[in-house]
All heavy atoms as atom14 arrays in JSON, in Angstrom:
{
  "sequence": "SYTAYAAPYLFLLLCRESSYGTPLVGVARYVAVLFPCFIVAALRLKE",
  "atom14_mask": [
    [1, 1, 1, 1, 1, 1, 0, 0, 0, 0, 0, 0, 0, 0],
    [1, 1, 1, 1, 1, 1, 1, 1, 1, 1, 1, 1, 0, 0],
    [1, 1, 1, 1, 1, 1, 1, 0, 0, 0, 0, 0, 0, 0],
    [1, 1, 1, 1, 1, 0, 0, 0, 0, 0, 0, 0, 0, 0],
    [1, 1, 1, 1, 1, 1, 1, 1, 1, 1, 1, 1, 0, 0],
    [1, 1, 1, 1, 1, 0, 0, 0, 0, 0, 0, 0, 0, 0],
    [1, 1, 1, 1, 1, 0, 0, 0, 0, 0, 0, 0, 0, 0],
    [1, 1, 1, 1, 1, 1, 1, 0, 0, 0, 0, 0, 0, 0],
    [1, 1, 1, 1, 1, 1, 1, 1, 1, 1, 1, 1, 0, 0],
    [1, 1, 1, 1, 1, 1, 1, 1, 0, 0, 0, 0, 0, 0],
    [1, 1, 1, 1, 1, 1, 1, 1, 1, 1, 1, 0, 0, 0],
    [1, 1, 1, 1, 1, 1, 1, 1, 0, 0, 0, 0, 0, 0],
    [1, 1, 1, 1, 1, 1, 1, 1, 0, 0, 0, 0, 0, 0],
    [1, 1, 1, 1, 1, 1, 1, 1, 0, 0, 0, 0, 0, 0],
    [1, 1, 1, 1, 1, 1, 0, 0, 0, 0, 0, 0, 0, 0],
    [1, 1, 1, 1, 1, 1, 1, 1, 1, 1, 1, 0, 0, 0],
    [1, 1, 1, 1, 1, 1, 1, 1, 1, 0, 0, 0, 0, 0],
    [1, 1, 1, 1, 1, 1, 0, 0, 0, 0, 0, 0, 0, 0],
    [1, 1, 1, 1, 1, 1, 0, 0, 0, 0, 0, 0, 0, 0],
    [1, 1, 1, 1, 1, 1, 1, 1, 1, 1, 1, 1, 0, 0],
    [1, 1, 1, 1, 0, 0, 0, 0, 0, 0, 0, 0, 0, 0],
    [1, 1, 1, 1, 1, 1, 1, 0, 0, 0, 0, 0, 0, 0],
    [1, 1, 1, 1, 1, 1, 1, 0, 0, 0, 0, 0, 0, 0],
    [1, 1, 1, 1, 1, 1, 1, 1, 0, 0, 0, 0, 0, 0],
    [1, 1, 1, 1, 1, 1, 1, 0, 0, 0, 0, 0, 0, 0],
    [1, 1, 1, 1, 0, 0, 0, 0, 0, 0, 0, 0, 0, 0],
    [1, 1, 1, 1, 1, 1, 1, 0, 0, 0, 0, 0, 0, 0],
    [1, 1, 1, 1, 1, 0, 0, 0, 0, 0, 0, 0, 0, 0],
    [1, 1, 1, 1, 1, 1, 1, 1, 1, 1, 1, 0, 0, 0],
    [1, 1, 1, 1, 1, 1, 1, 1, 1, 1, 1, 1, 0, 0],
    [1, 1, 1, 1, 1, 1, 1, 0, 0, 0, 0, 0, 0, 0],
    [1, 1, 1, 1, 1, 0, 0, 0, 0, 0, 0, 0, 0, 0],
    [1, 1, 1, 1, 1, 1, 1, 0, 0, 0, 0, 0, 0, 0],
    [1, 1, 1, 1, 1, 1, 1, 1, 0, 0, 0, 0, 0, 0],
    [1, 1, 1, 1, 1, 1, 1, 1, 1, 1, 1, 0, 0, 0],
    [1, 1, 1, 1, 1, 1, 1, 0, 0, 0, 0, 0, 0, 0],
    [1, 1, 1, 1, 1, 1, 0, 0, 0, 0, 0, 0, 0, 0],
    [1, 1, 1, 1, 1, 1, 1, 1, 1, 1, 1, 0, 0, 0],
    [1, 1, 1, 1, 1, 1, 1, 1, 0, 0, 0, 0, 0, 0],
    [1, 1, 1, 1, 1, 1, 1, 0, 0, 0, 0, 0, 0, 0],
    [1, 1, 1, 1, 1, 0, 0, 0, 0, 0, 0, 0, 0, 0],
    [1, 1, 1, 1, 1, 0, 0, 0, 0, 0, 0, 0, 0, 0],
    [1, 1, 1, 1, 1, 1, 1, 1, 0, 0, 0, 0, 0, 0],
    [1, 1, 1, 1, 1, 1, 1, 1, 1, 1, 1, 0, 0, 0],
    [1, 1, 1, 1, 1, 1, 1, 1, 0, 0, 0, 0, 0, 0],
    [1, 1, 1, 1, 1, 1, 1, 1, 1, 0, 0, 0, 0, 0],
    [1, 1, 1, 1, 1, 1, 1, 1, 1, 0, 0, 0, 0, 0]
  ],
  "atom14_positions": [
    [[-4.61, 1.79, 18.74], [-3.37, 2.51, 18.47], [-3.27, 2.94, 17.0], [-2.66, 3.97, 16.7], [-2.16, 1.65, 18.84], [-2.17, 0.44, 18.12], [0.0, 0.0, 0.0], [0.0, 0.0, 0.0], [0.0, 0.0, 0.0], [0.0, 0.0, 0.0], [0.0, 0.0, 0.0], [0.0, 0.0, 0.0], [0.0, 0.0, 0.0], [0.0, 0.0, 0.0]],
    [[-3.85, 2.17, 16.1], [-3.83, 2.55, 14.68], [-4.68, 3.79, 14.45], [-4.31, 4.67, 13.67], [-4.32, 1.41, 13.81], [-3.37, 0.26, 13.67], [-3.72, -0.87, 12.94], [-2.12, 0.27, 14.26], [-2.85, -1.94, 12.81], [-1.24, -0.78, 14.13], [-1.62, -1.89, 13.4], [-0.76, -2.93, 13.25], [0.0, 0.0, 0.0], [0.0, 0.0, 0.0]],
    [[-5.82, 3.86, 15.11], [-6.65, 5.06, 15.01], [-5.94, 6.25, 15.65], [-6.01, 7.37, 15.13], [-8.01, 4.82, 15.68], [-8.63, 3.68, 15.08], [-8.92, 6.02, 15.54], [0.0, 0.0, 0.0], [0.0, 0.0, 0.0], [0.0, 0.0, 0.0], [0.0, 0.0, 0.0], [0.0, 0.0, 0.0], [0.0, 0.0, 0.0], [0.0, 0.0, 0.0]],
    [[-5.26, 6.01, 16.76], [-4.52, 7.08, 17.42], [-3.38, 7.59, 16.54], [-2.93, 8.73, 16.7], [-3.98, 6.6, 18.76], [0.0, 0.0, 0.0], [0.0, 0.0, 0.0], [0.0, 0.0, 0.0], [0.0, 0.0, 0.0], [0.0, 0.0, 0.0], [0.0, 0.0, 0.0], [0.0, 0.0, 0.0], [0.0, 0.0, 0.0], [0.0, 0.0, 0.0]],
    [[-2.89, 6.78, 15.63], [-1.85, 7.2, 14.7], [-2.45, 8.0, 13.54], [-1.92, 9.04, 13.15], [-1.12, 5.97, 14.16], [-0.16, 6.26, 13.04], [1.08, 6.83, 13.3], [-0.49, 5.98, 11.72], [1.96, 7.11, 12.27], [0.38, 6.25, 10.69], [1.6, 6.81, 10.96], [2.47, 7.09, 9.95], [0.0, 0.0, 0.0], [0.0, 0.0, 0.0]],
    [[-3.56, 7.54, 12.99], [-4.11, 8.15, 11.78], [-4.96, 9.39, 12.05], [-4.94, 10.34, 11.26], [-4.94, 7.13, 11.01], [0.0, 0.0, 0.0], [0.0, 0.0, 0.0], [0.0, 0.0, 0.0], [0.0, 0.0, 0.0], [0.0, 0.0, 0.0], [0.0, 0.0, 0.0], [0.0, 0.0, 0.0], [0.0, 0.0, 0.0], [0.0, 0.0, 0.0]],
    [[-5.7, 9.42, 13.14], [-6.64, 10.51, 13.39], [-5.97, 11.87, 13.51], [-6.41, 12.83, 12.86], [-7.48, 10.19, 14.62], [0.0, 0.0, 0.0], [0.0, 0.0, 0.0], [0.0, 0.0, 0.0], [0.0, 0.0, 0.0], [0.0, 0.0, 0.0], [0.0, 0.0, 0.0], [0.0, 0.0, 0.0], [0.0, 0.0, 0.0], [0.0, 0.0, 0.0]],
    [[-4.92, 12.03, 14.32], [-4.31, 13.37, 14.4], [-3.7, 13.82, 13.07], [-3.74, 15.0, 12.73], [-3.21, 13.22, 15.45], [-3.51, 11.97, 16.17], [-4.31, 11.12, 15.27], [0.0, 0.0, 0.0], [0.0, 0.0, 0.0], [0.0, 0.0, 0.0], [0.0, 0.0, 0.0], [0.0, 0.0, 0.0], [0.0, 0.0, 0.0], [0.0, 0.0, 0.0]],
    [[-3.17, 12.89, 12.34], [-2.56, 13.22, 11.04], [-3.62, 13.76, 10.09], [-3.43, 14.78, 9.43], [-1.91, 11.96, 10.48], [-0.92, 12.21, 9.38], [0.4, 12.49, 9.68], [-1.3, 12.18, 8.06], [1.32, 12.73, 8.68], [-0.39, 12.43, 7.05], [0.92, 12.69, 7.36], [1.83, 12.94, 6.38], [0.0, 0.0, 0.0], [0.0, 0.0, 0.0]],
    [[-4.77, 13.06, 10.02], [-5.85, 13.52, 9.16], [-6.45, 14.82, 9.67], [-6.83, 15.69, 8.88], [-6.92, 12.44, 9.03], [-6.52, 11.25, 8.19], [-7.55, 10.14, 8.3], [-6.34, 11.65, 6.74], [0.0, 0.0, 0.0], [0.0, 0.0, 0.0], [0.0, 0.0, 0.0], [0.0, 0.0, 0.0], [0.0, 0.0, 0.0], [0.0, 0.0, 0.0]],
    [[-6.53, 14.99, 10.98], [-7.05, 16.23, 11.55], [-6.18, 17.41, 11.15], [-6.68, 18.48, 10.79], [-7.15, 16.11, 13.07], [-7.67, 17.35, 13.72], [-9.0, 17.69, 13.63], [-6.81, 18.19, 14.43], [-9.48, 18.84, 14.21], [-7.27, 19.33, 15.03], [-8.62, 19.67, 14.92], [0.0, 0.0, 0.0], [0.0, 0.0, 0.0], [0.0, 0.0, 0.0]],
    [[-4.86, 17.22, 11.19], [-3.96, 18.29, 10.77], [-4.11, 18.62, 9.29], [-4.03, 19.78, 8.89], [-2.51, 17.92, 11.09], [-2.12, 17.96, 12.55], [-0.71, 17.42, 12.74], [-2.23, 19.36, 13.09], [0.0, 0.0, 0.0], [0.0, 0.0, 0.0], [0.0, 0.0, 0.0], [0.0, 0.0, 0.0], [0.0, 0.0, 0.0], [0.0, 0.0, 0.0]],
    [[-4.31, 17.61, 8.48], [-4.51, 17.86, 7.05], [-5.82, 18.6, 6.79], [-5.92, 19.41, 5.86], [-4.49, 16.55, 6.27], [-3.13, 15.89, 6.11], [-3.25, 14.56, 5.4], [-2.17, 16.8, 5.37], [0.0, 0.0, 0.0], [0.0, 0.0, 0.0], [0.0, 0.0, 0.0], [0.0, 0.0, 0.0], [0.0, 0.0, 0.0], [0.0, 0.0, 0.0]],
    [[-6.85, 18.32, 7.59], [-8.12, 19.0, 7.42], [-8.06, 20.46, 7.87], [-8.8, 21.3, 7.36], [-9.21, 18.28, 8.21], [-9.71, 16.97, 7.62], [-10.56, 16.22, 8.63], [-10.5, 17.22, 6.35], [0.0, 0.0, 0.0], [0.0, 0.0, 0.0], [0.0, 0.0, 0.0], [0.0, 0.0, 0.0], [0.0, 0.0, 0.0], [0.0, 0.0, 0.0]],
    [[-7.18, 20.77, 8.8], [-7.14, 22.11, 9.4], [-6.02, 23.0, 8.88], [-5.95, 24.16, 9.25], [-6.99, 21.98, 10.91], [-8.38, 21.2, 11.69], [0.0, 0.0, 0.0], [0.0, 0.0, 0.0], [0.0, 0.0, 0.0], [0.0, 0.0, 0.0], [0.0, 0.0, 0.0], [0.0, 0.0, 0.0], [0.0, 0.0, 0.0], [0.0, 0.0, 0.0]],
    [[-5.15, 22.52, 8.05], [-3.98, 23.3, 7.69], [-4.31, 24.37, 6.65], [-5.28, 24.27, 5.91], [-2.86, 22.4, 7.18], [-3.05, 21.89, 5.79], [-1.94, 20.93, 5.43], [-2.07, 20.53, 4.06], [-1.23, 20.88, 3.11], [-0.19, 21.61, 3.38], [-1.42, 20.5, 1.88], [0.0, 0.0, 0.0], [0.0, 0.0, 0.0], [0.0, 0.0, 0.0]],
    [[-3.48, 25.4, 6.63], [-3.58, 26.46, 5.65], [-2.36, 26.4, 4.75], [-1.31, 25.89, 5.15], [-3.65, 27.81, 6.33], [-4.92, 28.02, 7.12], [-4.98, 29.4, 7.71], [-4.32, 30.32, 7.2], [-5.7, 29.56, 8.71], [0.0, 0.0, 0.0], [0.0, 0.0, 0.0], [0.0, 0.0, 0.0], [0.0, 0.0, 0.0], [0.0, 0.0, 0.0]],
    [[-2.48, 26.94, 3.57], [-1.37, 26.9, 2.63], [-1.22, 28.26, 1.99], [-2.19, 29.0, 1.8], [-1.63, 25.84, 1.56], [-0.61, 25.85, 0.6], [0.0, 0.0, 0.0], [0.0, 0.0, 0.0], [0.0, 0.0, 0.0], [0.0, 0.0, 0.0], [0.0, 0.0, 0.0], [0.0, 0.0, 0.0], [0.0, 0.0, 0.0], [0.0, 0.0, 0.0]],
    [[-0.02, 28.59, 1.62], [0.23, 29.87, 0.95], [-0.02, 29.78, -0.56], [0.11, 30.77, -1.26], [1.66, 30.31, 1.2], [2.56, 29.34, 0.7], [0.0, 0.0, 0.0], [0.0, 0.0, 0.0], [0.0, 0.0, 0.0], [0.0, 0.0, 0.0], [0.0, 0.0, 0.0], [0.0, 0.0, 0.0], [0.0, 0.0, 0.0], [0.0, 0.0, 0.0]],
    [[-0.38, 28.61, -1.04], [-0.62, 28.43, -2.47], [-2.06, 28.71, -2.87], [-2.45, 28.48, -4.0], [-0.25, 27.02, -2.91], [1.22, 26.72, -2.74], [1.64, 25.79, -1.81], [2.16, 27.36, -3.5], [2.98, 25.52, -1.64], [3.51, 27.11, -3.35], [3.9, 26.18, -2.41], [5.23, 25.92, -2.25], [0.0, 0.0, 0.0], [0.0, 0.0, 0.0]],
    [[-2.88, 29.13, -1.95], [-4.26, 29.46, -2.28], [-5.25, 28.34, -1.99], [-6.44, 28.56, -1.95], [0.0, 0.0, 0.0], [0.0, 0.0, 0.0], [0.0, 0.0, 0.0], [0.0, 0.0, 0.0], [0.0, 0.0, 0.0], [0.0, 0.0, 0.0], [0.0, 0.0, 0.0], [0.0, 0.0, 0.0], [0.0, 0.0, 0.0], [0.0, 0.0, 0.0]],
    [[-4.77, 27.15, -1.82], [-5.64, 26.03, -1.5], [-4.99, 25.2, -0.39], [-3.8, 24.93, -0.45], [-5.94, 25.15, -2.73], [-6.72, 24.04, -2.32], [-4.68, 24.67, -3.4], [0.0, 0.0, 0.0], [0.0, 0.0, 0.0], [0.0, 0.0, 0.0], [0.0, 0.0, 0.0], [0.0, 0.0, 0.0], [0.0, 0.0, 0.0], [0.0, 0.0, 0.0]],
    [[-5.76, 24.8, 0.61], [-5.17, 24.01, 1.69], [-4.92, 22.55, 1.33], [-4.36, 21.81, 2.11], [-6.2, 24.13, 2.81], [-7.48, 24.38, 2.1], [-7.14, 25.16, 0.87], [0.0, 0.0, 0.0], [0.0, 0.0, 0.0], [0.0, 0.0, 0.0], [0.0, 0.0, 0.0], [0.0, 0.0, 0.0], [0.0, 0.0, 0.0], [0.0, 0.0, 0.0]],
    [[-5.34, 22.14, 0.16], [-5.25, 20.73, -0.2], [-4.03, 20.37, -1.05], [-3.92, 19.25, -1.52], [-6.52, 20.31, -0.95], [-7.81, 20.44, -0.15], [-9.0, 20.13, -1.03], [-7.78, 19.55, 1.06], [0.0, 0.0, 0.0], [0.0, 0.0, 0.0], [0.0, 0.0, 0.0], [0.0, 0.0, 0.0], [0.0, 0.0, 0.0], [0.0, 0.0, 0.0]],
    [[-3.12, 21.29, -1.23], [-1.95, 21.02, -2.07], [-1.12, 19.9, -1.45], [-0.7, 19.97, -0.3], [-1.09, 22.29, -2.23], [0.2, 21.99, -2.95], [-1.87, 23.36, -2.96], [0.0, 0.0, 0.0], [0.0, 0.0, 0.0], [0.0, 0.0, 0.0], [0.0, 0.0, 0.0], [0.0, 0.0, 0.0], [0.0, 0.0, 0.0], [0.0, 0.0, 0.0]],
    [[-0.9, 18.84, -2.19], [-0.04, 17.75, -1.76], [-0.67, 16.73, -0.83], [0.03, 15.86, -0.32], [0.0, 0.0, 0.0], [0.0, 0.0, 0.0], [0.0, 0.0, 0.0], [0.0, 0.0, 0.0], [0.0, 0.0, 0.0], [0.0, 0.0, 0.0], [0.0, 0.0, 0.0], [0.0, 0.0, 0.0], [0.0, 0.0, 0.0], [0.0, 0.0, 0.0]],
    [[-1.97, 16.79, -0.61], [-2.62, 15.85, 0.32], [-2.44, 14.41, -0.14], [-2.24, 13.51, 0.67], [-4.11, 16.2, 0.5], [-4.86, 15.09, 1.2], [-4.24, 17.48, 1.28], [0.0, 0.0, 0.0], [0.0, 0.0, 0.0], [0.0, 0.0, 0.0], [0.0, 0.0, 0.0], [0.0, 0.0, 0.0], [0.0, 0.0, 0.0], [0.0, 0.0, 0.0]],
    [[-2.5, 14.17, -1.44], [-2.34, 12.8, -1.94], [-0.99, 12.21, -1.56], [-0.88, 11.01, -1.33], [-2.51, 12.78, -3.46], [0.0, 0.0, 0.0], [0.0, 0.0, 0.0], [0.0, 0.0, 0.0], [0.0, 0.0, 0.0], [0.0, 0.0, 0.0], [0.0, 0.0, 0.0], [0.0, 0.0, 0.0], [0.0, 0.0, 0.0], [0.0, 0.0, 0.0]],
    [[0.03, 13.04, -1.44], [1.35, 12.57, -1.0], [1.38, 12.34, 0.5], [2.01, 11.42, 0.99], [2.44, 13.57, -1.38], [2.7, 13.64, -2.85], [3.78, 14.65, -3.13], [3.29, 15.98, -2.75], [4.06, 16.99, -2.45], [5.36, 16.85, -2.44], [3.56, 18.16, -2.14], [0.0, 0.0, 0.0], [0.0, 0.0, 0.0], [0.0, 0.0, 0.0]],
    [[0.72, 13.23, 1.24], [0.79, 13.17, 2.69], [0.04, 11.97, 3.27], [0.42, 11.44, 4.3], [0.24, 14.45, 3.31], [1.04, 15.68, 2.96], [0.43, 16.88, 2.7], [2.43, 15.64, 2.88], [1.15, 18.01, 2.38], [3.17, 16.75, 2.56], [2.52, 17.94, 2.31], [3.25, 19.05, 1.99], [0.0, 0.0, 0.0], [0.0, 0.0, 0.0]],
    [[-1.05, 11.54, 2.63], [-1.81, 10.42, 3.17], [-1.2, 9.06, 2.82], [-1.66, 8.04, 3.32], [-3.29, 10.46, 2.71], [-3.99, 11.68, 3.23], [-3.4, 10.35, 1.2], [0.0, 0.0, 0.0], [0.0, 0.0, 0.0], [0.0, 0.0, 0.0], [0.0, 0.0, 0.0], [0.0, 0.0, 0.0], [0.0, 0.0, 0.0], [0.0, 0.0, 0.0]],
    [[-0.16, 9.06, 2.02], [0.46, 7.79, 1.63], [1.11, 7.06, 2.8], [1.34, 5.86, 2.72], [1.49, 8.03, 0.53], [0.0, 0.0, 0.0], [0.0, 0.0, 0.0], [0.0, 0.0, 0.0], [0.0, 0.0, 0.0], [0.0, 0.0, 0.0], [0.0, 0.0, 0.0], [0.0, 0.0, 0.0], [0.0, 0.0, 0.0], [0.0, 0.0, 0.0]],
    [[1.38, 7.74, 3.89], [2.02, 7.11, 5.05], [1.0, 6.56, 6.06], [1.39, 5.97, 7.06], [2.97, 8.09, 5.77], [4.07, 8.53, 4.86], [2.2, 9.27, 6.33], [0.0, 0.0, 0.0], [0.0, 0.0, 0.0], [0.0, 0.0, 0.0], [0.0, 0.0, 0.0], [0.0, 0.0, 0.0], [0.0, 0.0, 0.0], [0.0, 0.0, 0.0]],
    [[-0.27, 6.74, 5.8], [-1.31, 6.28, 6.74], [-1.63, 4.81, 6.5], [-2.66, 4.44, 5.95], [-2.56, 7.15, 6.6], [-2.36, 8.6, 7.0], [-3.63, 9.38, 6.76], [-1.92, 8.71, 8.43], [0.0, 0.0, 0.0], [0.0, 0.0, 0.0], [0.0, 0.0, 0.0], [0.0, 0.0, 0.0], [0.0, 0.0, 0.0], [0.0, 0.0, 0.0]],
    [[-0.74, 3.95, 6.96], [-0.88, 2.52, 6.71], [-2.14, 1.9, 7.31], [-2.66, 0.94, 6.76], [0.37, 1.77, 7.18], [0.52, 1.7, 8.67], [0.02, 0.63, 9.38], [1.16, 2.72, 9.37], [0.16, 0.56, 10.75], [1.31, 2.65, 10.73], [0.79, 1.58, 11.43], [0.0, 0.0, 0.0], [0.0, 0.0, 0.0], [0.0, 0.0, 0.0]],
    [[-2.7, 2.41, 8.43], [-3.94, 1.8, 8.92], [-5.1, 1.89, 7.92], [-5.91, 0.96, 7.81], [-4.26, 2.59, 10.2], [-2.96, 3.12, 10.66], [-2.19, 3.4, 9.4], [0.0, 0.0, 0.0], [0.0, 0.0, 0.0], [0.0, 0.0, 0.0], [0.0, 0.0, 0.0], [0.0, 0.0, 0.0], [0.0, 0.0, 0.0], [0.0, 0.0, 0.0]],
    [[-5.14, 2.97, 7.16], [-6.19, 3.1, 6.15], [-6.02, 2.08, 5.03], [-7.0, 1.54, 4.52], [-6.2, 4.53, 5.6], [-6.58, 5.77, 6.84], [0.0, 0.0, 0.0], [0.0, 0.0, 0.0], [0.0, 0.0, 0.0], [0.0, 0.0, 0.0], [0.0, 0.0, 0.0], [0.0, 0.0, 0.0], [0.0, 0.0, 0.0], [0.0, 0.0, 0.0]],
    [[-4.78, 1.8, 4.68], [-4.53, 0.78, 3.65], [-4.89, -0.61, 4.16], [-5.34, -1.47, 3.4], [-3.08, 0.83, 3.19], [-2.76, 2.03, 2.36], [-2.05, 3.09, 2.89], [-3.18, 2.11, 1.05], [-1.74, 4.2, 2.13], [-2.9, 3.23, 0.27], [-2.18, 4.27, 0.81], [0.0, 0.0, 0.0], [0.0, 0.0, 0.0], [0.0, 0.0, 0.0]],
    [[-4.67, -0.86, 5.44], [-5.06, -2.14, 6.03], [-6.57, -2.31, 5.98], [-7.08, -3.38, 5.63], [-4.53, -2.26, 7.47], [-3.01, -2.34, 7.48], [-5.12, -3.48, 8.18], [-2.39, -2.25, 8.86], [0.0, 0.0, 0.0], [0.0, 0.0, 0.0], [0.0, 0.0, 0.0], [0.0, 0.0, 0.0], [0.0, 0.0, 0.0], [0.0, 0.0, 0.0]],
    [[-7.31, -1.26, 6.31], [-8.77, -1.32, 6.26], [-9.24, -1.57, 4.83], [-10.14, -2.39, 4.59], [-9.39, -0.03, 6.82], [-10.89, 0.01, 6.6], [-9.07, 0.11, 8.3], [0.0, 0.0, 0.0], [0.0, 0.0, 0.0], [0.0, 0.0, 0.0], [0.0, 0.0, 0.0], [0.0, 0.0, 0.0], [0.0, 0.0, 0.0], [0.0, 0.0, 0.0]],
    [[-8.65, -0.88, 3.88], [-9.02, -1.09, 2.48], [-8.73, -2.52, 2.04], [-9.55, -3.15, 1.34], [-8.27, -0.11, 1.58], [0.0, 0.0, 0.0], [0.0, 0.0, 0.0], [0.0, 0.0, 0.0], [0.0, 0.0, 0.0], [0.0, 0.0, 0.0], [0.0, 0.0, 0.0], [0.0, 0.0, 0.0], [0.0, 0.0, 0.0], [0.0, 0.0, 0.0]],
    [[-7.61, -3.07, 2.46], [-7.28, -4.46, 2.1], [-8.25, -5.44, 2.73], [-8.66, -6.41, 2.08], [-5.85, -4.78, 2.54], [0.0, 0.0, 0.0], [0.0, 0.0, 0.0], [0.0, 0.0, 0.0], [0.0, 0.0, 0.0], [0.0, 0.0, 0.0], [0.0, 0.0, 0.0], [0.0, 0.0, 0.0], [0.0, 0.0, 0.0], [0.0, 0.0, 0.0]],
    [[-8.63, -5.21, 3.98], [-9.6, -6.1, 4.64], [-10.96, -6.05, 3.95], [-11.63, -7.07, 3.8], [-9.75, -5.72, 6.11], [-8.54, -6.02, 7.0], [-8.76, -5.44, 8.39], [-8.3, -7.52, 7.07], [0.0, 0.0, 0.0], [0.0, 0.0, 0.0], [0.0, 0.0, 0.0], [0.0, 0.0, 0.0], [0.0, 0.0, 0.0], [0.0, 0.0, 0.0]],
    [[-11.36, -4.88, 3.54], [-12.65, -4.74, 2.83], [-12.61, -5.4, 1.46], [-13.55, -6.07, 1.05], [-13.01, -3.28, 2.68], [-13.26, -2.59, 3.97], [-14.64, -2.07, 4.0], [-14.84, -1.34, 5.24], [-15.92, -1.44, 5.94], [-16.89, -2.21, 5.53], [-16.05, -0.78, 7.04], [0.0, 0.0, 0.0], [0.0, 0.0, 0.0], [0.0, 0.0, 0.0]],
    [[-11.51, -5.18, 0.72], [-11.42, -5.74, -0.63], [-11.22, -7.24, -0.61], [-11.56, -7.92, -1.57], [-10.31, -5.05, -1.41], [-10.58, -3.58, -1.77], [-9.36, -2.98, -2.44], [-11.79, -3.44, -2.65], [0.0, 0.0, 0.0], [0.0, 0.0, 0.0], [0.0, 0.0, 0.0], [0.0, 0.0, 0.0], [0.0, 0.0, 0.0], [0.0, 0.0, 0.0]],
    [[-10.66, -7.77, 0.47], [-10.46, -9.22, 0.58], [-11.8, -9.95, 0.62], [-11.93, -11.06, 0.09], [-9.66, -9.52, 1.84], [-9.33, -10.97, 2.03], [-8.49, -11.13, 3.27], [-9.28, -11.95, 4.25], [-8.57, -12.27, 5.47], [0.0, 0.0, 0.0], [0.0, 0.0, 0.0], [0.0, 0.0, 0.0], [0.0, 0.0, 0.0], [0.0, 0.0, 0.0]],
    [[-12.8, -9.32, 1.2], [-14.12, -9.94, 1.32], [-14.91, -9.92, 0.02], [-15.84, -10.69, -0.15], [-14.93, -9.21, 2.4], [-14.3, -9.29, 3.77], [-14.95, -8.33, 4.75], [-15.83, -7.54, 4.34], [-14.55, -8.36, 5.93], [0.0, 0.0, 0.0], [0.0, 0.0, 0.0], [0.0, 0.0, 0.0], [0.0, 0.0, 0.0], [0.0, 0.0, 0.0]]
  ]
}
């Protein structure tokens, strides 16, 4: 279920277009809600 939450969100970020000339505007803000990725990072860093 965590992958089912994060995968579509990341897919949309990879495919979106922007009127600012670059599709990556604001991505650092948008990925902040992807808590499953933070859980994976914490599990890796704990080891």
